[in-house]
PDB file of N, CA and C in Angstrom:
ATOM      1  N   MET A   1     -93.809  -1.136 -52.761  1.00  0.00           N
ATOM      2  CA  MET A   1     -94.672  -2.189 -53.230  1.00  0.00           C
ATOM      3  C   MET A   1     -94.025  -2.901 -54.398  1.00  0.00           C
ATOM      4  N   ALA A   2     -94.303  -4.157 -54.503  1.00  0.00           N
ATOM      5  CA  ALA A   2     -93.778  -4.933 -55.620  1.00  0.00           C
ATOM      6  C   ALA A   2     -94.446  -4.485 -56.903  1.00  0.00           C
ATOM      7  N   ASP A   3     -93.710  -4.591 -57.974  1.00  0.00           N
ATOM      8  CA  ASP A   3     -94.242  -4.192 -59.261  1.00  0.00           C
ATOM      9  C   ASP A   3     -94.674  -5.387 -60.088  1.00  0.00           C
ATOM     10  N   GLU A   4     -94.827  -6.561 -59.463  1.00  0.00           N
ATOM     11  CA  GLU A   4     -95.201  -7.744 -60.218  1.00  0.00           C
ATOM     12  C   GLU A   4     -96.635  -8.131 -59.903  1.00  0.00           C
ATOM     13  N   PHE A   5     -97.356  -8.493 -60.943  1.00  0.00           N
ATOM     14  CA  PHE A   5     -98.744  -8.884 -60.821  1.00  0.00           C
ATOM     15  C   PHE A   5     -98.921 -10.250 -61.448  1.00  0.00           C
ATOM     16  N   ASP A   6     -99.768 -11.068 -60.865  1.00  0.00           N
ATOM     17  CA  ASP A   6    -100.052 -12.388 -61.396  1.00  0.00           C
ATOM     18  C   ASP A   6    -100.911 -12.248 -62.644  1.00  0.00           C
ATOM     19  N   LYS A   7    -100.442 -12.781 -63.767  1.00  0.00           N
ATOM     20  CA  LYS A   7    -101.193 -12.717 -65.018  1.00  0.00           C
ATOM     21  C   LYS A   7    -102.560 -13.365 -64.885  1.00  0.00           C
ATOM     22  N   ASN A   8    -102.710 -14.291 -63.985  1.00  0.00           N
ATOM     23  CA  ASN A   8    -103.952 -15.032 -63.866  1.00  0.00           C
ATOM     24  C   ASN A   8    -104.949 -14.377 -62.923  1.00  0.00           C
ATOM     25  N   ASP A   9    -104.712 -13.171 -62.492  1.00  0.00           N
ATOM     26  CA  ASP A   9    -105.625 -12.477 -61.581  1.00  0.00           C
ATOM     27  C   ASP A   9    -106.749 -11.797 -62.348  1.00  0.00           C
ATOM     28  N   ASP A  10    -107.512 -12.585 -63.099  1.00  0.00           N
ATOM     29  CA  ASP A  10    -108.702 -12.095 -63.786  1.00  0.00           C
ATOM     30  C   ASP A  10    -108.415 -11.040 -64.836  1.00  0.00           C
ATOM     31  N   MET A  11    -107.200 -10.928 -65.345  1.00  0.00           N
ATOM     32  CA  MET A  11    -106.914  -9.941 -66.380  1.00  0.00           C
ATOM     33  C   MET A  11    -107.354 -10.499 -67.719  1.00  0.00           C
ATOM     34  N   ASP A  12    -108.593 -10.226 -68.081  1.00  0.00           N
ATOM     35  CA  ASP A  12    -109.194 -10.728 -69.299  1.00  0.00           C
ATOM     36  C   ASP A  12    -109.577  -9.540 -70.154  1.00  0.00           C
ATOM     37  N   ASP A  13    -109.066  -9.494 -71.390  1.00  0.00           N
ATOM     38  CA  ASP A  13    -109.343  -8.360 -72.261  1.00  0.00           C
ATOM     39  C   ASP A  13    -110.827  -8.209 -72.565  1.00  0.00           C
ATOM     40  N   ASP A  14    -111.620  -9.278 -72.391  1.00  0.00           N
ATOM     41  CA  ASP A  14    -113.043  -9.203 -72.668  1.00  0.00           C
ATOM     42  C   ASP A  14    -113.807  -8.524 -71.538  1.00  0.00           C
ATOM     43  N   GLU A  15    -113.218  -8.433 -70.368  1.00  0.00           N
ATOM     44  CA  GLU A  15    -113.876  -7.802 -69.239  1.00  0.00           C
ATOM     45  C   GLU A  15    -113.533  -6.323 -69.214  1.00  0.00           C
ATOM     46  N   GLU A  16    -114.536  -5.515 -68.867  1.00  0.00           N
ATOM     47  CA  GLU A  16    -114.311  -4.081 -68.813  1.00  0.00           C
ATOM     48  C   GLU A  16    -113.372  -3.717 -67.672  1.00  0.00           C
ATOM     49  N   MET A  17    -113.590  -4.298 -66.493  1.00  0.00           N
ATOM     50  CA  MET A  17    -112.720  -4.040 -65.352  1.00  0.00           C
ATOM     51  C   MET A  17    -112.232  -5.370 -64.798  1.00  0.00           C
ATOM     52  N   SER A  18    -110.942  -5.497 -64.621  1.00  0.00           N
ATOM     53  CA  SER A  18    -110.372  -6.708 -64.049  1.00  0.00           C
ATOM     54  C   SER A  18    -109.616  -6.344 -62.783  1.00  0.00           C
ATOM     55  N   VAL A  19    -109.270  -7.356 -62.001  1.00  0.00           N
ATOM     56  CA  VAL A  19    -108.615  -7.147 -60.715  1.00  0.00           C
ATOM     57  C   VAL A  19    -107.207  -7.721 -60.768  1.00  0.00           C
ATOM     58  N   ILE A  20    -106.246  -6.959 -60.239  1.00  0.00           N
ATOM     59  CA  ILE A  20    -104.874  -7.433 -60.101  1.00  0.00           C
ATOM     60  C   ILE A  20    -104.469  -7.263 -58.640  1.00  0.00           C
ATOM     61  N   THR A  21    -103.504  -8.039 -58.215  1.00  0.00           N
ATOM     62  CA  THR A  21    -103.044  -7.988 -56.828  1.00  0.00           C
ATOM     63  C   THR A  21    -101.592  -7.550 -56.791  1.00  0.00           C
ATOM     64  N   MET A  22    -101.308  -6.629 -55.894  1.00  0.00           N
ATOM     65  CA  MET A  22     -99.956  -6.106 -55.722  1.00  0.00           C
ATOM     66  C   MET A  22     -99.552  -6.375 -54.273  1.00  0.00           C
ATOM     67  N   THR A  23     -98.301  -6.745 -54.050  1.00  0.00           N
ATOM     68  CA  THR A  23     -97.829  -7.049 -52.700  1.00  0.00           C
ATOM     69  C   THR A  23     -96.890  -5.960 -52.206  1.00  0.00           C
ATOM     70  N   ASP A  24     -97.173  -5.432 -51.007  1.00  0.00           N
ATOM     71  CA  ASP A  24     -96.318  -4.433 -50.377  1.00  0.00           C
ATOM     72  C   ASP A  24     -95.060  -5.139 -49.881  1.00  0.00           C
ATOM     73  N   ASP A  25     -93.895  -4.749 -50.394  1.00  0.00           N
ATOM     74  CA  ASP A  25     -92.635  -5.396 -50.026  1.00  0.00           C
ATOM     75  C   ASP A  25     -92.313  -5.270 -48.542  1.00  0.00           C
ATOM     76  N   GLU A  26     -92.710  -4.169 -47.922  1.00  0.00           N
ATOM     77  CA  GLU A  26     -92.369  -3.932 -46.520  1.00  0.00           C
ATOM     78  C   GLU A  26     -93.250  -4.723 -45.558  1.00  0.00           C
ATOM     79  N   THR A  27     -94.555  -4.796 -45.844  1.00  0.00           N
ATOM     80  CA  THR A  27     -95.480  -5.441 -44.914  1.00  0.00           C
ATOM     81  C   THR A  27     -95.942  -6.819 -45.376  1.00  0.00           C
ATOM     82  N   GLY A  28     -95.763  -7.118 -46.651  1.00  0.00           N
ATOM     83  CA  GLY A  28     -96.260  -8.375 -47.200  1.00  0.00           C
ATOM     84  C   GLY A  28     -97.751  -8.348 -47.481  1.00  0.00           C
ATOM     85  N   GLU A  29     -98.383  -7.206 -47.211  1.00  0.00           N
ATOM     86  CA  GLU A  29     -99.820  -7.066 -47.426  1.00  0.00           C
ATOM     87  C   GLU A  29    -100.132  -7.094 -48.921  1.00  0.00           C
ATOM     88  N   GLU A  30    -101.171  -7.852 -49.275  1.00  0.00           N
ATOM     89  CA  GLU A  30    -101.630  -7.880 -50.655  1.00  0.00           C
ATOM     90  C   GLU A  30    -102.734  -6.854 -50.825  1.00  0.00           C
ATOM     91  N   ILE A  31    -102.628  -6.050 -51.871  1.00  0.00           N
ATOM     92  CA  ILE A  31    -103.599  -5.000 -52.140  1.00  0.00           C
ATOM     93  C   ILE A  31    -104.202  -5.262 -53.509  1.00  0.00           C
ATOM     94  N   GLU A  32    -105.539  -5.279 -53.568  1.00  0.00           N
ATOM     95  CA  GLU A  32    -106.225  -5.497 -54.834  1.00  0.00           C
ATOM     96  C   GLU A  32    -106.484  -4.169 -55.518  1.00  0.00           C
ATOM     97  N   PHE A  33    -106.254  -4.158 -56.814  1.00  0.00           N
ATOM     98  CA  PHE A  33    -106.529  -2.998 -57.641  1.00  0.00           C
ATOM     99  C   PHE A  33    -107.475  -3.397 -58.762  1.00  0.00           C
ATOM    100  N   VAL A  34    -108.367  -2.494 -59.115  1.00  0.00           N
ATOM    101  CA  VAL A  34    -109.245  -2.683 -60.256  1.00  0.00           C
ATOM    102  C   VAL A  34    -108.628  -1.944 -61.432  1.00  0.00           C
ATOM    103  N   VAL A  35    -108.512  -2.628 -62.556  1.00  0.00           N
ATOM    104  CA  VAL A  35    -108.011  -2.000 -63.778  1.00  0.00           C
ATOM    105  C   VAL A  35    -109.196  -1.304 -64.429  1.00  0.00           C
ATOM    106  N   ILE A  36    -109.136   0.023 -64.469  1.00  0.00           N
ATOM    107  CA  ILE A  36    -110.227   0.821 -65.006  1.00  0.00           C
ATOM    108  C   ILE A  36    -110.133   0.924 -66.523  1.00  0.00           C
ATOM    109  N   ASP A  37    -108.911   1.023 -67.028  1.00  0.00           N
ATOM    110  CA  ASP A  37    -108.727   1.211 -68.466  1.00  0.00           C
ATOM    111  C   ASP A  37    -107.317   0.797 -68.847  1.00  0.00           C
ATOM    112  N   ARG A  38    -107.129   0.523 -70.125  1.00  0.00           N
ATOM    113  CA  ARG A  38    -105.818   0.188 -70.686  1.00  0.00           C
ATOM    114  C   ARG A  38    -105.616   1.025 -71.937  1.00  0.00           C
ATOM    115  N   LYS A  39    -104.405   1.467 -72.149  1.00  0.00           N
ATOM    116  CA  LYS A  39    -104.060   2.224 -73.356  1.00  0.00           C
ATOM    117  C   LYS A  39    -102.693   1.779 -73.833  1.00  0.00           C
ATOM    118  N   ASN A  40    -102.462   1.934 -75.122  1.00  0.00           N
ATOM    119  CA  ASN A  40    -101.162   1.648 -75.707  1.00  0.00           C
ATOM    120  C   ASN A  40    -100.642   2.942 -76.299  1.00  0.00           C
ATOM    121  N   CYS A  41     -99.426   3.302 -75.957  1.00  0.00           N
ATOM    122  CA  CYS A  41     -98.806   4.528 -76.461  1.00  0.00           C
ATOM    123  C   CYS A  41     -97.395   4.193 -76.927  1.00  0.00           C
ATOM    124  N   ASN A  42     -97.141   4.397 -78.201  1.00  0.00           N
ATOM    125  CA  ASN A  42     -95.815   4.136 -78.775  1.00  0.00           C
ATOM    126  C   ASN A  42     -95.306   2.732 -78.466  1.00  0.00           C
ATOM    127  N   GLY A  43     -96.205   1.749 -78.507  1.00  0.00           N
ATOM    128  CA  GLY A  43     -95.809   0.364 -78.300  1.00  0.00           C
ATOM    129  C   GLY A  43     -95.709  -0.077 -76.854  1.00  0.00           C
ATOM    130  N   THR A  44     -96.015   0.800 -75.909  1.00  0.00           N
ATOM    131  CA  THR A  44     -95.980   0.458 -74.487  1.00  0.00           C
ATOM    132  C   THR A  44     -97.401   0.441 -73.947  1.00  0.00           C
ATOM    133  N   GLU A  45     -97.734  -0.594 -73.171  1.00  0.00           N
ATOM    134  CA  GLU A  45     -99.062  -0.693 -72.579  1.00  0.00           C
ATOM    135  C   GLU A  45     -99.073  -0.020 -71.212  1.00  0.00           C
ATOM    136  N   TYR A  46    -100.143   0.725 -70.941  1.00  0.00           N
ATOM    137  CA  TYR A  46    -100.349   1.411 -69.670  1.00  0.00           C
ATOM    138  C   TYR A  46    -101.712   1.009 -69.125  1.00  0.00           C
ATOM    139  N   ILE A  47    -101.828   0.964 -67.792  1.00  0.00           N
ATOM    140  CA  ILE A  47    -103.117   0.692 -67.170  1.00  0.00           C
ATOM    141  C   ILE A  47    -103.429   1.778 -66.145  1.00  0.00           C
ATOM    142  N   LEU A  48    -104.711   2.079 -66.022  1.00  0.00           N
ATOM    143  CA  LEU A  48    -105.210   3.003 -65.014  1.00  0.00           C
ATOM    144  C   LEU A  48    -105.864   2.148 -63.944  1.00  0.00           C
ATOM    145  N   VAL A  49    -105.375   2.245 -62.699  1.00  0.00           N
ATOM    146  CA  VAL A  49    -105.868   1.387 -61.617  1.00  0.00           C
ATOM    147  C   VAL A  49    -106.314   2.208 -60.418  1.00  0.00           C
ATOM    148  N   ILE A  50    -107.199   1.591 -59.628  1.00  0.00           N
ATOM    149  CA  ILE A  50    -107.651   2.170 -58.372  1.00  0.00           C
ATOM    150  C   ILE A  50    -107.760   1.023 -57.373  1.00  0.00           C
ATOM    151  N   GLU A  51    -107.471   1.302 -56.103  1.00  0.00           N
ATOM    152  CA  GLU A  51    -107.626   0.262 -55.082  1.00  0.00           C
ATOM    153  C   GLU A  51    -109.079  -0.200 -55.073  1.00  0.00           C
ATOM    154  N   SER A  52    -109.283  -1.515 -55.050  1.00  0.00           N
ATOM    155  CA  SER A  52    -110.641  -2.058 -55.137  1.00  0.00           C
ATOM    156  C   SER A  52    -111.525  -1.572 -53.992  1.00  0.00           C
ATOM    157  N   LYS A  53    -110.949  -1.322 -52.818  1.00  0.00           N
ATOM    158  CA  LYS A  53    -111.763  -0.843 -51.688  1.00  0.00           C
ATOM    159  C   LYS A  53    -112.289   0.571 -51.929  1.00  0.00           C
ATOM    160  N   ASN A  54    -111.708   1.306 -52.885  1.00  0.00           N
ATOM    161  CA  ASN A  54    -112.126   2.680 -53.168  1.00  0.00           C
ATOM    162  C   ASN A  54    -112.913   2.815 -54.465  1.00  0.00           C
ATOM    163  N   ILE A  55    -113.310   1.708 -55.076  1.00  0.00           N
ATOM    164  CA  ILE A  55    -113.909   1.752 -56.403  1.00  0.00           C
ATOM    165  C   ILE A  55    -115.205   2.567 -56.448  1.00  0.00           C
ATOM    166  N   ASP A  56    -115.952   2.634 -55.361  1.00  0.00           N
ATOM    167  CA  ASP A  56    -117.211   3.376 -55.354  1.00  0.00           C
ATOM    168  C   ASP A  56    -117.055   4.830 -54.922  1.00  0.00           C
ATOM    169  N   ASP A  57    -115.852   5.249 -54.590  1.00  0.00           N
ATOM    170  CA  ASP A  57    -115.579   6.618 -54.153  1.00  0.00           C
ATOM    171  C   ASP A  57    -115.267   7.485 -55.369  1.00  0.00           C
ATOM    172  N   ASP A  58    -116.164   8.427 -55.681  1.00  0.00           N
ATOM    173  CA  ASP A  58    -115.977   9.293 -56.853  1.00  0.00           C
ATOM    174  C   ASP A  58    -114.732  10.164 -56.757  1.00  0.00           C
ATOM    175  N   GLU A  59    -114.237  10.394 -55.551  1.00  0.00           N
ATOM    176  CA  GLU A  59    -113.071  11.252 -55.355  1.00  0.00           C
ATOM    177  C   GLU A  59    -111.777  10.460 -55.147  1.00  0.00           C
ATOM    178  N   ALA A  60    -111.836   9.148 -55.286  1.00  0.00           N
ATOM    179  CA  ALA A  60    -110.655   8.308 -55.060  1.00  0.00           C
ATOM    180  C   ALA A  60    -109.586   8.595 -56.107  1.00  0.00           C
ATOM    181  N   GLU A  61    -108.335   8.456 -55.684  1.00  0.00           N
ATOM    182  CA  GLU A  61    -107.223   8.685 -56.597  1.00  0.00           C
ATOM    183  C   GLU A  61    -106.842   7.385 -57.286  1.00  0.00           C
ATOM    184  N   ALA A  62    -106.509   7.502 -58.557  1.00  0.00           N
ATOM    185  CA  ALA A  62    -106.079   6.354 -59.349  1.00  0.00           C
ATOM    186  C   ALA A  62    -104.600   6.512 -59.666  1.00  0.00           C
ATOM    187  N   ALA A  63    -104.010   5.451 -60.178  1.00  0.00           N
ATOM    188  CA  ALA A  63    -102.599   5.480 -60.571  1.00  0.00           C
ATOM    189  C   ALA A  63    -102.471   4.944 -61.992  1.00  0.00           C
ATOM    190  N   ILE A  64    -101.486   5.456 -62.702  1.00  0.00           N
ATOM    191  CA  ILE A  64    -101.169   4.947 -64.033  1.00  0.00           C
ATOM    192  C   ILE A  64     -99.874   4.157 -63.919  1.00  0.00           C
ATOM    193  N   LEU A  65     -99.909   2.924 -64.384  1.00  0.00           N
ATOM    194  CA  LEU A  65     -98.734   2.054 -64.378  1.00  0.00           C
ATOM    195  C   LEU A  65     -98.423   1.639 -65.805  1.00  0.00           C
ATOM    196  N   LYS A  66     -97.144   1.368 -66.077  1.00  0.00           N
ATOM    197  CA  LYS A  66     -96.787   0.893 -67.412  1.00  0.00           C
ATOM    198  C   LYS A  66     -96.172  -0.491 -67.325  1.00  0.00           C
ATOM    199  N   VAL A  67     -96.399  -1.280 -68.364  1.00  0.00           N
ATOM    200  CA  VAL A  67     -95.835  -2.625 -68.447  1.00  0.00           C
ATOM    201  C   VAL A  67     -94.358  -2.491 -68.783  1.00  0.00           C
ATOM    202  N   VAL A  68     -93.509  -3.076 -67.934  1.00  0.00           N
ATOM    203  CA  VAL A  68     -92.063  -3.029 -68.181  1.00  0.00           C
ATOM    204  C   VAL A  68     -91.472  -4.416 -68.371  1.00  0.00           C
ATOM    205  N   GLY A  69     -92.287  -5.460 -68.186  1.00  0.00           N
ATOM    206  CA  GLY A  69     -91.798  -6.813 -68.396  1.00  0.00           C
ATOM    207  C   GLY A  69     -92.901  -7.832 -68.238  1.00  0.00           C
ATOM    208  N   GLU A  70     -92.725  -8.983 -68.888  1.00  0.00           N
ATOM    209  CA  GLU A  70     -93.690 -10.070 -68.781  1.00  0.00           C
ATOM    210  C   GLU A  70     -92.965 -11.401 -68.731  1.00  0.00           C
ATOM    211  N   SER A  71     -93.510 -12.307 -67.935  1.00  0.00           N
ATOM    212  CA  SER A  71     -93.048 -13.690 -67.911  1.00  0.00           C
ATOM    213  C   SER A  71     -94.297 -14.558 -68.014  1.00  0.00           C
ATOM    214  N   GLU A  72     -94.130 -15.861 -67.926  1.00  0.00           N
ATOM    215  CA  GLU A  72     -95.297 -16.743 -68.015  1.00  0.00           C
ATOM    216  C   GLU A  72     -96.261 -16.532 -66.860  1.00  0.00           C
ATOM    217  N   GLU A  73     -95.751 -16.163 -65.690  1.00  0.00           N
ATOM    218  CA  GLU A  73     -96.590 -16.044 -64.503  1.00  0.00           C
ATOM    219  C   GLU A  73     -96.883 -14.612 -64.086  1.00  0.00           C
ATOM    220  N   ASP A  74     -96.037 -13.682 -64.430  1.00  0.00           N
ATOM    221  CA  ASP A  74     -96.176 -12.316 -63.931  1.00  0.00           C
ATOM    222  C   ASP A  74     -96.078 -11.286 -65.044  1.00  0.00           C
ATOM    223  N   ILE A  75     -96.722 -10.163 -64.786  1.00  0.00           N
ATOM    224  CA  ILE A  75     -96.527  -8.955 -65.577  1.00  0.00           C
ATOM    225  C   ILE A  75     -95.910  -7.949 -64.622  1.00  0.00           C
ATOM    226  N   THR A  76     -94.830  -7.304 -65.018  1.00  0.00           N
ATOM    227  CA  THR A  76     -94.176  -6.322 -64.164  1.00  0.00           C
ATOM    228  C   THR A  76     -94.582  -4.930 -64.624  1.00  0.00           C
ATOM    229  N   TYR A  77     -95.063  -4.130 -63.668  1.00  0.00           N
ATOM    230  CA  TYR A  77     -95.474  -2.752 -63.926  1.00  0.00           C
ATOM    231  C   TYR A  77     -94.566  -1.816 -63.143  1.00  0.00           C
ATOM    232  N   SER A  78     -94.494  -0.579 -63.592  1.00  0.00           N
ATOM    233  CA  SER A  78     -93.797   0.443 -62.813  1.00  0.00           C
ATOM    234  C   SER A  78     -94.569   1.749 -62.920  1.00  0.00           C
ATOM    235  N   VAL A  79     -94.315   2.625 -61.966  1.00  0.00           N
ATOM    236  CA  VAL A  79     -94.888   3.963 -62.040  1.00  0.00           C
ATOM    237  C   VAL A  79     -94.129   4.742 -63.104  1.00  0.00           C
ATOM    238  N   ILE A  80     -94.734   5.800 -63.585  1.00  0.00           N
ATOM    239  CA  ILE A  80     -94.100   6.633 -64.608  1.00  0.00           C
ATOM    240  C   ILE A  80     -93.380   7.771 -63.903  1.00  0.00           C
ATOM    241  N   ASN A  81     -92.071   7.825 -64.025  1.00  0.00           N
ATOM    242  CA  ASN A  81     -91.275   8.849 -63.351  1.00  0.00           C
ATOM    243  C   ASN A  81     -91.020  10.079 -64.205  1.00  0.00           C
ATOM    244  N   ASP A  82     -91.096   9.944 -65.505  1.00  0.00           N
ATOM    245  CA  ASP A  82     -90.835  11.055 -66.414  1.00  0.00           C
ATOM    246  C   ASP A  82     -92.099  11.899 -66.571  1.00  0.00           C
ATOM    247  N   ASP A  83     -92.016  13.198 -66.266  1.00  0.00           N
ATOM    248  CA  ASP A  83     -93.187  14.080 -66.321  1.00  0.00           C
ATOM    249  C   ASP A  83     -93.790  14.169 -67.715  1.00  0.00           C
ATOM    250  N   ASP A  84     -92.967  14.262 -68.744  1.00  0.00           N
ATOM    251  CA  ASP A  84     -93.482  14.374 -70.111  1.00  0.00           C
ATOM    252  C   ASP A  84     -94.219  13.102 -70.525  1.00  0.00           C
ATOM    253  N   GLU A  85     -93.645  11.952 -70.179  1.00  0.00           N
ATOM    254  CA  GLU A  85     -94.299  10.679 -70.490  1.00  0.00           C
ATOM    255  C   GLU A  85     -95.623  10.583 -69.739  1.00  0.00           C
ATOM    256  N   PHE A  86     -95.615  10.951 -68.449  1.00  0.00           N
ATOM    257  CA  PHE A  86     -96.841  10.886 -67.657  1.00  0.00           C
ATOM    258  C   PHE A  86     -97.921  11.782 -68.250  1.00  0.00           C
ATOM    259  N   ASP A  87     -97.569  13.020 -68.600  1.00  0.00           N
ATOM    260  CA  ASP A  87     -98.554  13.948 -69.163  1.00  0.00           C
ATOM    261  C   ASP A  87     -99.169  13.405 -70.446  1.00  0.00           C
ATOM    262  N   ALA A  88     -98.340  12.829 -71.313  1.00  0.00           N
ATOM    263  CA  ALA A  88     -98.832  12.286 -72.586  1.00  0.00           C
ATOM    264  C   ALA A  88     -99.781  11.114 -72.351  1.00  0.00           C
ATOM    265  N   VAL A  89     -99.416  10.231 -71.435  1.00  0.00           N
ATOM    266  CA  VAL A  89    -100.252   9.056 -71.164  1.00  0.00           C
ATOM    267  C   VAL A  89    -101.520   9.464 -70.422  1.00  0.00           C
ATOM    268  N   ALA A  90    -101.421  10.377 -69.466  1.00  0.00           N
ATOM    269  CA  ALA A  90    -102.596  10.831 -68.722  1.00  0.00           C
ATOM    270  C   ALA A  90    -103.625  11.445 -69.663  1.00  0.00           C
ATOM    271  N   ALA A  91    -103.169  12.170 -70.665  1.00  0.00           N
ATOM    272  CA  ALA A  91    -104.083  12.763 -71.641  1.00  0.00           C
ATOM    273  C   ALA A  91    -104.855  11.678 -72.395  1.00  0.00           C
ATOM    274  N   LEU A  92    -104.227  10.541 -72.640  1.00  0.00           N
ATOM    275  CA  LEU A  92    -104.904   9.433 -73.320  1.00  0.00           C
ATOM    276  C   LEU A  92    -106.026   8.844 -72.474  1.00  0.00           C
ATOM    277  N   PHE A  93    -105.875   8.891 -71.158  1.00  0.00           N
ATOM    278  CA  PHE A  93    -106.858   8.280 -70.272  1.00  0.00           C
ATOM    279  C   PHE A  93    -108.058   9.180 -69.983  1.00  0.00           C
ATOM    280  N   ASN A  94    -107.994  10.465 -70.297  1.00  0.00           N
ATOM    281  CA  ASN A  94    -109.140  11.336 -70.060  1.00  0.00           C
ATOM    282  C   ASN A  94    -110.312  10.879 -70.920  1.00  0.00           C
ATOM    283  N   SER A  95    -111.507  10.812 -70.322  1.00  0.00           N
ATOM    284  CA  SER A  95    -112.696  10.387 -71.050  1.00  0.00           C
ATOM    285  C   SER A  95    -113.928  10.990 -70.391  1.00  0.00           C
ATOM    286  N   ASP A  96    -115.089  10.672 -70.955  1.00  0.00           N
ATOM    287  CA  ASP A  96    -116.343  11.133 -70.366  1.00  0.00           C
ATOM    288  C   ASP A  96    -116.628  10.438 -69.039  1.00  0.00           C
ATOM    289  N   GLU A  97    -116.067   9.243 -68.838  1.00  0.00           N
ATOM    290  CA  GLU A  97    -116.332   8.474 -67.629  1.00  0.00           C
ATOM    291  C   GLU A  97    -115.506   8.927 -66.438  1.00  0.00           C
ATOM    292  N   TYR A  98    -114.317   9.444 -66.680  1.00  0.00           N
ATOM    293  CA  TYR A  98    -113.431   9.877 -65.603  1.00  0.00           C
ATOM    294  C   TYR A  98    -112.446  10.892 -66.142  1.00  0.00           C
ATOM    295  N   GLU A  99    -111.914  11.678 -65.215  1.00  0.00           N
ATOM    296  CA  GLU A  99    -110.956  12.715 -65.585  1.00  0.00           C
ATOM    297  C   GLU A  99    -109.648  12.455 -64.856  1.00  0.00           C
ATOM    298  N   VAL A 100    -108.561  12.479 -65.610  1.00  0.00           N
ATOM    299  CA  VAL A 100    -107.236  12.285 -65.037  1.00  0.00           C
ATOM    300  C   VAL A 100    -106.594  13.655 -64.900  1.00  0.00           C
ATOM    301  N   GLU A 101    -106.255  14.017 -63.666  1.00  0.00           N
ATOM    302  CA  GLU A 101    -105.594  15.297 -63.438  1.00  0.00           C
ATOM    303  C   GLU A 101    -104.094  15.110 -63.546  1.00  0.00           C
ATOM    304  N   TYR A 102    -103.451  15.996 -64.280  1.00  0.00           N
ATOM    305  CA  TYR A 102    -102.001  15.916 -64.446  1.00  0.00           C
ATOM    306  C   TYR A 102    -101.420  17.283 -64.597  1.00  0.00           C
TER     307      TYR A 102
END
């Protein structure tokens, strides 16, 4: 899947949950994700996302992505490959509203 998201896809800091679109490089399919939460750790922004079609499923799996680049039109995200970094960021996302397993 592409790691670029359109900045104009309703990503408004005033909204609790916003929607971003990701494009699968192999199929060209666009997949909508709901941004559940945002955190900043050591100067890097991370987002917790879930596919919008699964937003009402209490058992749905979410993903943590980190901002790795920005342009005027796109924000580039990537998955976290380092286990220590993932564990530290996942701990930040744990809350009363949801639990992040790591």
